Amino acid sequence: MPISLFLVFLLLYVSFGSIGQATIVFLNVPLALIGGFAGLYYSGEYLSVPASVGFIALLGIAMLNGVVMMNYFNYLAIRGMSVKELVVEGAVKRLRPVLMTALIASFGLIPLMFSTGPGSEIQRPLAIVVIWGLVSATILTLFILPILYGIVYGEKEH
């Protein structure tokens, strides 16, 4: 797991060409994990193989949303916007794509989360991890990621 997370960070660095931007996007991982573990805890489920598969899917979606947001920030920066303007406009303009990605995955898994029939012991933990983790990761992507971008890159304008 640590090796795969390092490789993901390396890919982010290569993609953005900046350790700062790669780190900001990579910070989606902890909040997504917090949401997934909170979901398991409050639902009374245990960390199992299906829940671990859910964490893998969750981290992929969380990273994708962070990359979408960061790419748009970079696009606006190239167009010459100030950091304060691009953070606000970027967060507003990427609200729909980020929410759509999270909501589609979440809505698709709601029936699995409430299943009680045969096989539900496999489906339920996976759905719980993804849904709860996406809630926390989406909050991070839409609110915390723009704030962090403004803090890191706003100082360079002064």
N, C-alpha and C. Protein backbone atom coordinates (compact mmCIF):
# COMPACT_ATOMS: atom_id res chain seq x y z
N MET A 1 0.81 -1.20 0.00
CA MET A 1 0.00 0.00 0.00
C MET A 1 0.86 1.27 0.00
N PRO A 2 1.87 1.36 0.85
CA PRO A 2 2.71 2.57 0.81
C PRO A 2 3.40 2.76 -0.54
N ILE A 3 3.80 1.67 -1.18
CA ILE A 3 4.45 1.79 -2.48
C ILE A 3 3.46 2.32 -3.52
N SER A 4 2.23 1.81 -3.49
CA SER A 4 1.24 2.29 -4.46
C SER A 4 0.89 3.76 -4.21
N LEU A 5 0.80 4.17 -2.95
CA LEU A 5 0.54 5.58 -2.66
C LEU A 5 1.70 6.46 -3.11
N PHE A 6 2.93 5.98 -2.93
CA PHE A 6 4.09 6.73 -3.41
C PHE A 6 4.05 6.86 -4.94
N LEU A 7 3.69 5.79 -5.63
CA LEU A 7 3.60 5.84 -7.09
C LEU A 7 2.50 6.80 -7.56
N VAL A 8 1.40 6.83 -6.83
CA VAL A 8 0.33 7.78 -7.16
C VAL A 8 0.84 9.20 -6.98
N PHE A 9 1.55 9.45 -5.88
CA PHE A 9 2.12 10.78 -5.65
C PHE A 9 3.10 11.14 -6.75
N LEU A 10 3.91 10.18 -7.15
CA LEU A 10 4.87 10.41 -8.23
C LEU A 10 4.15 10.76 -9.53
N LEU A 11 3.07 10.07 -9.84
CA LEU A 11 2.29 10.39 -11.03
C LEU A 11 1.68 11.79 -10.95
N LEU A 12 1.21 12.16 -9.77
CA LEU A 12 0.68 13.51 -9.59
C LEU A 12 1.78 14.55 -9.81
N TYR A 13 2.95 14.28 -9.28
CA TYR A 13 4.07 15.21 -9.45
C TYR A 13 4.43 15.36 -10.93
N VAL A 14 4.51 14.24 -11.63
CA VAL A 14 4.83 14.28 -13.06
C VAL A 14 3.73 15.01 -13.82
N SER A 15 2.49 14.80 -13.45
CA SER A 15 1.36 15.42 -14.13
C SER A 15 1.36 16.94 -13.95
N PHE A 16 1.59 17.41 -12.73
CA PHE A 16 1.52 18.83 -12.44
C PHE A 16 2.87 19.54 -12.53
N GLY A 17 3.95 18.79 -12.38
CA GLY A 17 5.28 19.40 -12.39
C GLY A 17 5.55 20.23 -11.15
N SER A 18 4.83 19.94 -10.08
CA SER A 18 4.97 20.72 -8.86
C SER A 18 4.71 19.82 -7.65
N ILE A 19 5.64 19.84 -6.73
CA ILE A 19 5.44 19.06 -5.50
C ILE A 19 4.29 19.66 -4.69
N GLY A 20 4.17 20.98 -4.70
CA GLY A 20 3.10 21.63 -3.95
C GLY A 20 1.72 21.22 -4.44
N GLN A 21 1.53 21.24 -5.75
CA GLN A 21 0.22 20.87 -6.29
C GLN A 21 -0.05 19.38 -6.10
N ALA A 22 0.97 18.56 -6.26
CA ALA A 22 0.80 17.12 -6.04
C ALA A 22 0.42 16.86 -4.58
N THR A 23 1.02 17.58 -3.67
CA THR A 23 0.73 17.41 -2.25
C THR A 23 -0.69 17.84 -1.93
N ILE A 24 -1.11 18.98 -2.50
CA ILE A 24 -2.47 19.46 -2.25
C ILE A 24 -3.50 18.43 -2.73
N VAL A 25 -3.30 17.88 -3.92
CA VAL A 25 -4.23 16.88 -4.43
C VAL A 25 -4.15 15.61 -3.59
N PHE A 26 -2.95 15.24 -3.18
CA PHE A 26 -2.76 14.02 -2.40
C PHE A 26 -3.42 14.11 -1.02
N LEU A 27 -3.67 15.32 -0.55
CA LEU A 27 -4.33 15.49 0.75
C LEU A 27 -5.79 15.03 0.71
N ASN A 28 -6.31 14.69 -0.47
CA ASN A 28 -7.64 14.09 -0.55
C ASN A 28 -7.65 12.72 0.13
N VAL A 29 -6.51 12.05 0.16
CA VAL A 29 -6.44 10.69 0.72
C VAL A 29 -6.86 10.65 2.19
N PRO A 30 -6.27 11.48 3.07
CA PRO A 30 -6.64 11.36 4.49
C PRO A 30 -8.12 11.61 4.77
N LEU A 31 -8.71 12.64 4.15
CA LEU A 31 -10.11 12.92 4.45
C LEU A 31 -11.03 11.86 3.87
N ALA A 32 -10.66 11.31 2.73
CA ALA A 32 -11.44 10.20 2.17
C ALA A 32 -11.36 8.99 3.11
N LEU A 33 -10.17 8.72 3.63
CA LEU A 33 -10.01 7.59 4.56
C LEU A 33 -10.79 7.83 5.84
N ILE A 34 -10.78 9.06 6.33
CA ILE A 34 -11.52 9.38 7.56
C ILE A 34 -13.00 9.10 7.36
N GLY A 35 -13.55 9.54 6.23
CA GLY A 35 -14.96 9.29 5.95
C GLY A 35 -15.28 7.82 5.83
N GLY A 36 -14.40 7.07 5.16
CA GLY A 36 -14.61 5.63 5.01
C GLY A 36 -14.58 4.90 6.34
N PHE A 37 -13.58 5.22 7.17
CA PHE A 37 -13.49 4.57 8.48
C PHE A 37 -14.64 5.00 9.39
N ALA A 38 -15.05 6.26 9.31
CA ALA A 38 -16.20 6.71 10.12
C ALA A 38 -17.46 5.96 9.70
N GLY A 39 -17.63 5.75 8.41
CA GLY A 39 -18.79 4.99 7.93
C GLY A 39 -18.80 3.57 8.45
N LEU A 40 -17.64 2.93 8.43
CA LEU A 40 -17.56 1.56 8.97
C LEU A 40 -17.87 1.55 10.46
N TYR A 41 -17.33 2.51 11.18
CA TYR A 41 -17.52 2.57 12.63
C TYR A 41 -19.00 2.78 12.99
N TYR A 42 -19.62 3.79 12.38
CA TYR A 42 -21.00 4.12 12.73
C TYR A 42 -22.02 3.09 12.24
N SER A 43 -21.65 2.33 11.22
CA SER A 43 -22.56 1.29 10.74
C SER A 43 -22.35 -0.03 11.43
N GLY A 44 -21.27 -0.14 12.21
CA GLY A 44 -21.00 -1.39 12.91
C GLY A 44 -20.32 -2.44 12.06
N GLU A 45 -19.86 -2.07 10.89
CA GLU A 45 -19.16 -3.01 10.01
C GLU A 45 -17.68 -3.05 10.37
N TYR A 46 -17.01 -4.07 9.87
CA TYR A 46 -15.59 -4.25 10.14
C TYR A 46 -14.78 -4.01 8.88
N LEU A 47 -13.51 -3.72 9.07
CA LEU A 47 -12.60 -3.61 7.94
C LEU A 47 -12.38 -5.01 7.39
N SER A 48 -12.79 -5.21 6.15
CA SER A 48 -12.72 -6.52 5.53
C SER A 48 -12.16 -6.36 4.12
N VAL A 49 -12.06 -7.46 3.41
CA VAL A 49 -11.56 -7.39 2.03
C VAL A 49 -12.49 -6.53 1.17
N PRO A 50 -13.82 -6.72 1.23
CA PRO A 50 -14.68 -5.84 0.43
C PRO A 50 -14.54 -4.36 0.82
N ALA A 51 -14.38 -4.08 2.11
CA ALA A 51 -14.18 -2.69 2.53
C ALA A 51 -12.86 -2.16 1.99
N SER A 52 -11.84 -2.99 1.95
CA SER A 52 -10.55 -2.57 1.39
C SER A 52 -10.67 -2.27 -0.10
N VAL A 53 -11.46 -3.06 -0.81
CA VAL A 53 -11.71 -2.79 -2.22
C VAL A 53 -12.46 -1.46 -2.36
N GLY A 54 -13.36 -1.19 -1.44
CA GLY A 54 -14.06 0.09 -1.43
C GLY A 54 -13.11 1.26 -1.23
N PHE A 55 -12.11 1.06 -0.35
CA PHE A 55 -11.12 2.12 -0.14
C PHE A 55 -10.31 2.38 -1.40
N ILE A 56 -10.00 1.35 -2.14
CA ILE A 56 -9.25 1.52 -3.39
C ILE A 56 -10.08 2.34 -4.39
N ALA A 57 -11.34 1.98 -4.54
CA ALA A 57 -12.22 2.74 -5.44
C ALA A 57 -12.39 4.17 -4.96
N LEU A 58 -12.55 4.33 -3.66
CA LEU A 58 -12.73 5.65 -3.07
C LEU A 58 -11.53 6.54 -3.34
N LEU A 59 -10.33 6.03 -3.14
CA LEU A 59 -9.13 6.83 -3.35
C LEU A 59 -8.99 7.23 -4.81
N GLY A 60 -9.37 6.36 -5.72
CA GLY A 60 -9.31 6.70 -7.14
C GLY A 60 -10.25 7.85 -7.48
N ILE A 61 -11.47 7.80 -6.97
CA ILE A 61 -12.44 8.87 -7.25
C ILE A 61 -12.01 10.17 -6.58
N ALA A 62 -11.51 10.08 -5.35
CA ALA A 62 -11.07 11.28 -4.63
C ALA A 62 -9.90 11.95 -5.36
N MET A 63 -8.96 11.16 -5.82
CA MET A 63 -7.82 11.71 -6.57
C MET A 63 -8.29 12.35 -7.88
N LEU A 64 -9.20 11.69 -8.56
CA LEU A 64 -9.71 12.22 -9.82
C LEU A 64 -10.35 13.59 -9.61
N ASN A 65 -11.15 13.73 -8.58
CA ASN A 65 -11.78 15.02 -8.29
C ASN A 65 -10.75 16.09 -7.97
N GLY A 66 -9.72 15.73 -7.23
CA GLY A 66 -8.65 16.68 -6.93
C GLY A 66 -7.89 17.11 -8.18
N VAL A 67 -7.65 16.16 -9.08
CA VAL A 67 -6.94 16.47 -10.33
C VAL A 67 -7.80 17.38 -11.20
N VAL A 68 -9.10 17.13 -11.26
CA VAL A 68 -10.00 17.99 -12.04
C VAL A 68 -9.93 19.43 -11.53
N MET A 69 -9.99 19.60 -10.23
CA MET A 69 -9.95 20.94 -9.64
C MET A 69 -8.60 21.61 -9.88
N MET A 70 -7.52 20.89 -9.65
CA MET A 70 -6.19 21.48 -9.79
C MET A 70 -5.89 21.83 -11.25
N ASN A 71 -6.30 20.99 -12.19
CA ASN A 71 -6.09 21.31 -13.60
C ASN A 71 -6.81 22.60 -13.99
N TYR A 72 -8.01 22.80 -13.46
CA TYR A 72 -8.74 24.02 -13.79
C TYR A 72 -8.07 25.24 -13.15
N PHE A 73 -7.57 25.09 -11.94
CA PHE A 73 -6.81 26.19 -11.32
C PHE A 73 -5.61 26.56 -12.19
N ASN A 74 -4.90 25.56 -12.68
CA ASN A 74 -3.73 25.82 -13.53
C ASN A 74 -4.15 26.51 -14.83
N TYR A 75 -5.26 26.08 -15.40
CA TYR A 75 -5.77 26.70 -16.63
C TYR A 75 -6.06 28.18 -16.39
N LEU A 76 -6.72 28.48 -15.27
CA LEU A 76 -7.05 29.87 -14.96
C LEU A 76 -5.79 30.68 -14.65
N ALA A 77 -4.80 30.07 -14.03
CA ALA A 77 -3.54 30.77 -13.74
C ALA A 77 -2.82 31.13 -15.03
N ILE A 78 -2.85 30.23 -16.00
CA ILE A 78 -2.22 30.51 -17.30
C ILE A 78 -2.93 31.66 -17.99
N ARG A 79 -4.21 31.79 -17.79
CA ARG A 79 -4.97 32.90 -18.39
C ARG A 79 -4.71 34.22 -17.68
N GLY A 80 -3.92 34.20 -16.62
CA GLY A 80 -3.50 35.44 -15.96
C GLY A 80 -4.36 35.90 -14.80
N MET A 81 -5.20 35.07 -14.28
CA MET A 81 -6.04 35.46 -13.15
C MET A 81 -5.21 35.49 -11.87
N SER A 82 -5.62 36.34 -10.96
CA SER A 82 -4.97 36.35 -9.65
C SER A 82 -5.38 35.09 -8.89
N VAL A 83 -4.61 34.75 -7.89
CA VAL A 83 -4.89 33.51 -7.14
C VAL A 83 -6.25 33.58 -6.47
N LYS A 84 -6.58 34.73 -5.90
CA LYS A 84 -7.88 34.85 -5.22
C LYS A 84 -9.03 34.66 -6.21
N GLU A 85 -8.94 35.27 -7.39
CA GLU A 85 -9.99 35.13 -8.39
C GLU A 85 -10.08 33.71 -8.91
N LEU A 86 -8.94 33.11 -9.20
CA LEU A 86 -8.98 31.76 -9.79
C LEU A 86 -9.45 30.72 -8.80
N VAL A 87 -9.16 30.91 -7.53
CA VAL A 87 -9.65 29.95 -6.53
C VAL A 87 -11.17 30.01 -6.44
N VAL A 88 -11.72 31.22 -6.43
CA VAL A 88 -13.18 31.36 -6.35
C VAL A 88 -13.84 30.85 -7.62
N GLU A 89 -13.36 31.33 -8.78
CA GLU A 89 -13.98 30.90 -10.04
C GLU A 89 -13.78 29.41 -10.28
N GLY A 90 -12.58 28.91 -9.98
CA GLY A 90 -12.31 27.49 -10.19
C GLY A 90 -13.19 26.60 -9.33
N ALA A 91 -13.38 26.99 -8.07
CA ALA A 91 -14.22 26.19 -7.18
C ALA A 91 -15.68 26.22 -7.65
N VAL A 92 -16.14 27.37 -8.11
CA VAL A 92 -17.52 27.48 -8.57
C VAL A 92 -17.73 26.70 -9.88
N LYS A 93 -16.78 26.85 -10.82
CA LYS A 93 -16.93 26.21 -12.13
C LYS A 93 -16.75 24.69 -12.07
N ARG A 94 -15.98 24.20 -11.13
CA ARG A 94 -15.75 22.76 -11.01
C ARG A 94 -16.67 22.11 -9.99
N LEU A 95 -17.57 22.89 -9.41
CA LEU A 95 -18.52 22.34 -8.44
C LEU A 95 -19.36 21.23 -9.08
N ARG A 96 -19.93 21.49 -10.24
CA ARG A 96 -20.79 20.50 -10.89
C ARG A 96 -20.05 19.22 -11.26
N PRO A 97 -18.88 19.28 -11.94
CA PRO A 97 -18.20 18.02 -12.27
C PRO A 97 -17.80 17.20 -11.04
N VAL A 98 -17.33 17.87 -10.00
CA VAL A 98 -16.92 17.16 -8.79
C VAL A 98 -18.13 16.53 -8.11
N LEU A 99 -19.21 17.30 -7.98
CA LEU A 99 -20.42 16.75 -7.36
C LEU A 99 -21.02 15.62 -8.18
N MET A 100 -21.01 15.76 -9.50
CA MET A 100 -21.57 14.70 -10.35
C MET A 100 -20.79 13.40 -10.20
N THR A 101 -19.48 13.49 -10.17
CA THR A 101 -18.67 12.28 -10.00
C THR A 101 -18.99 11.60 -8.67
N ALA A 102 -19.04 12.38 -7.61
CA ALA A 102 -19.31 11.81 -6.29
C ALA A 102 -20.75 11.29 -6.17
N LEU A 103 -21.70 12.06 -6.68
CA LEU A 103 -23.11 11.65 -6.54
C LEU A 103 -23.45 10.42 -7.37
N ILE A 104 -22.89 10.34 -8.56
CA ILE A 104 -23.17 9.16 -9.40
C ILE A 104 -22.67 7.89 -8.72
N ALA A 105 -21.46 7.95 -8.20
CA ALA A 105 -20.93 6.77 -7.51
C ALA A 105 -21.74 6.46 -6.25
N SER A 106 -22.09 7.50 -5.50
CA SER A 106 -22.84 7.29 -4.26
C SER A 106 -24.24 6.75 -4.52
N PHE A 107 -24.96 7.37 -5.45
CA PHE A 107 -26.33 6.93 -5.73
C PHE A 107 -26.35 5.50 -6.27
N GLY A 108 -25.34 5.14 -7.03
CA GLY A 108 -25.28 3.78 -7.56
C GLY A 108 -25.06 2.73 -6.48
N LEU A 109 -24.45 3.15 -5.37
CA LEU A 109 -24.14 2.21 -4.30
C LEU A 109 -25.15 2.21 -3.15
N ILE A 110 -26.11 3.12 -3.16
CA ILE A 110 -27.09 3.17 -2.07
C ILE A 110 -27.86 1.85 -1.93
N PRO A 111 -28.32 1.23 -3.02
CA PRO A 111 -29.01 -0.06 -2.83
C PRO A 111 -28.12 -1.12 -2.19
N LEU A 112 -26.83 -1.11 -2.49
CA LEU A 112 -25.91 -2.08 -1.87
C LEU A 112 -25.75 -1.81 -0.38
N MET A 113 -25.77 -0.54 -0.01
CA MET A 113 -25.57 -0.19 1.40
C MET A 113 -26.73 -0.68 2.27
N PHE A 114 -27.93 -0.74 1.70
CA PHE A 114 -29.09 -1.16 2.47
C PHE A 114 -29.53 -2.60 2.16
N SER A 115 -28.69 -3.34 1.45
CA SER A 115 -29.06 -4.71 1.10
C SER A 115 -29.00 -5.61 2.34
N THR A 116 -29.88 -6.60 2.35
CA THR A 116 -29.93 -7.53 3.49
C THR A 116 -29.94 -8.98 3.04
N GLY A 117 -30.01 -9.22 1.76
CA GLY A 117 -30.11 -10.59 1.24
C GLY A 117 -28.77 -11.30 1.20
N PRO A 118 -28.77 -12.45 0.55
CA PRO A 118 -27.52 -13.19 0.40
C PRO A 118 -26.47 -12.36 -0.34
N GLY A 119 -25.27 -12.35 0.18
CA GLY A 119 -24.18 -11.58 -0.42
C GLY A 119 -24.05 -10.17 0.11
N SER A 120 -24.99 -9.77 0.95
CA SER A 120 -24.95 -8.39 1.45
C SER A 120 -23.75 -8.15 2.37
N GLU A 121 -23.23 -9.22 2.98
CA GLU A 121 -22.06 -9.06 3.85
C GLU A 121 -20.83 -8.64 3.05
N ILE A 122 -20.86 -8.84 1.75
CA ILE A 122 -19.78 -8.40 0.87
C ILE A 122 -20.09 -7.03 0.30
N GLN A 123 -21.32 -6.81 -0.09
CA GLN A 123 -21.70 -5.56 -0.75
C GLN A 123 -21.76 -4.37 0.21
N ARG A 124 -22.29 -4.58 1.38
CA ARG A 124 -22.52 -3.49 2.31
C ARG A 124 -21.25 -2.75 2.73
N PRO A 125 -20.18 -3.45 3.18
CA PRO A 125 -18.98 -2.70 3.60
C PRO A 125 -18.37 -1.88 2.46
N LEU A 126 -18.36 -2.42 1.26
CA LEU A 126 -17.82 -1.70 0.11
C LEU A 126 -18.62 -0.42 -0.12
N ALA A 127 -19.94 -0.52 -0.12
CA ALA A 127 -20.79 0.64 -0.36
C ALA A 127 -20.64 1.68 0.75
N ILE A 128 -20.59 1.23 1.99
CA ILE A 128 -20.46 2.15 3.11
C ILE A 128 -19.16 2.94 3.01
N VAL A 129 -18.07 2.27 2.72
CA VAL A 129 -16.77 2.94 2.62
C VAL A 129 -16.80 3.98 1.50
N VAL A 130 -17.30 3.60 0.34
CA VAL A 130 -17.29 4.52 -0.80
C VAL A 130 -18.21 5.71 -0.55
N ILE A 131 -19.41 5.48 -0.07
CA ILE A 131 -20.36 6.58 0.12
C ILE A 131 -19.89 7.55 1.19
N TRP A 132 -19.55 7.06 2.36
CA TRP A 132 -19.10 7.94 3.44
C TRP A 132 -17.78 8.62 3.07
N GLY A 133 -16.89 7.89 2.45
CA GLY A 133 -15.61 8.48 2.05
C GLY A 133 -15.78 9.55 0.99
N LEU A 134 -16.71 9.35 0.07
CA LEU A 134 -16.95 10.37 -0.96
C LEU A 134 -17.54 11.64 -0.37
N VAL A 135 -18.35 11.50 0.65
CA VAL A 135 -18.89 12.70 1.30
C VAL A 135 -17.75 13.54 1.86
N SER A 136 -16.86 12.90 2.61
CA SER A 136 -15.76 13.67 3.21
C SER A 136 -14.76 14.14 2.16
N ALA A 137 -14.47 13.32 1.17
CA ALA A 137 -13.50 13.72 0.13
C ALA A 137 -14.05 14.84 -0.74
N THR A 138 -15.35 14.84 -1.00
CA THR A 138 -15.95 15.90 -1.80
C THR A 138 -15.91 17.22 -1.06
N ILE A 139 -16.17 17.18 0.23
CA ILE A 139 -16.07 18.41 1.04
C ILE A 139 -14.64 18.95 0.95
N LEU A 140 -13.66 18.07 1.06
CA LEU A 140 -12.27 18.50 0.97
C LEU A 140 -12.00 19.11 -0.39
N THR A 141 -12.42 18.44 -1.43
CA THR A 141 -12.13 18.91 -2.79
C THR A 141 -12.77 20.27 -3.06
N LEU A 142 -13.98 20.46 -2.60
CA LEU A 142 -14.70 21.70 -2.92
C LEU A 142 -14.35 22.87 -2.01
N PHE A 143 -13.93 22.60 -0.79
CA PHE A 143 -13.69 23.69 0.15
C PHE A 143 -12.23 23.79 0.58
N ILE A 144 -11.66 22.70 1.05
CA ILE A 144 -10.31 22.75 1.61
C ILE A 144 -9.25 22.87 0.52
N LEU A 145 -9.39 22.14 -0.59
CA LEU A 145 -8.40 22.20 -1.66
C LEU A 145 -8.24 23.63 -2.21
N PRO A 146 -9.33 24.36 -2.50
CA PRO A 146 -9.13 25.74 -2.94
C PRO A 146 -8.48 26.63 -1.89
N ILE A 147 -8.83 26.41 -0.62
CA ILE A 147 -8.22 27.20 0.45
C ILE A 147 -6.72 26.92 0.52
N LEU A 148 -6.34 25.64 0.45
CA LEU A 148 -4.92 25.29 0.48
C LEU A 148 -4.18 25.87 -0.72
N TYR A 149 -4.81 25.82 -1.90
CA TYR A 149 -4.19 26.40 -3.08
C TYR A 149 -3.96 27.89 -2.88
N GLY A 150 -4.95 28.58 -2.33
CA GLY A 150 -4.81 30.01 -2.07
C GLY A 150 -3.72 30.32 -1.06
N ILE A 151 -3.60 29.48 -0.05
CA ILE A 151 -2.55 29.69 0.97
C ILE A 151 -1.17 29.46 0.36
N VAL A 152 -1.01 28.37 -0.38
CA VAL A 152 0.31 28.03 -0.92
C VAL A 152 0.74 28.98 -2.03
N TYR A 153 -0.18 29.31 -2.94
CA TYR A 153 0.20 30.10 -4.10
C TYR A 153 -0.18 31.57 -3.98
N GLY A 154 -0.98 31.94 -3.00
CA GLY A 154 -1.35 33.34 -2.79
C GLY A 154 -0.20 34.18 -2.31
N GLU A 155 0.71 33.59 -1.55
CA GLU A 155 1.85 34.33 -1.02
C GLU A 155 2.82 34.75 -2.12
N LYS A 156 2.83 34.05 -3.23
CA LYS A 156 3.76 34.36 -4.32
C LYS A 156 3.37 35.63 -5.05
N GLU A 157 2.12 36.08 -4.89
CA GLU A 157 1.67 37.29 -5.55
C GLU A 157 2.10 38.56 -4.82
N HIS A 158 2.36 38.44 -3.54
CA HIS A 158 2.67 39.63 -2.74
C HIS A 158 4.08 40.09 -2.98
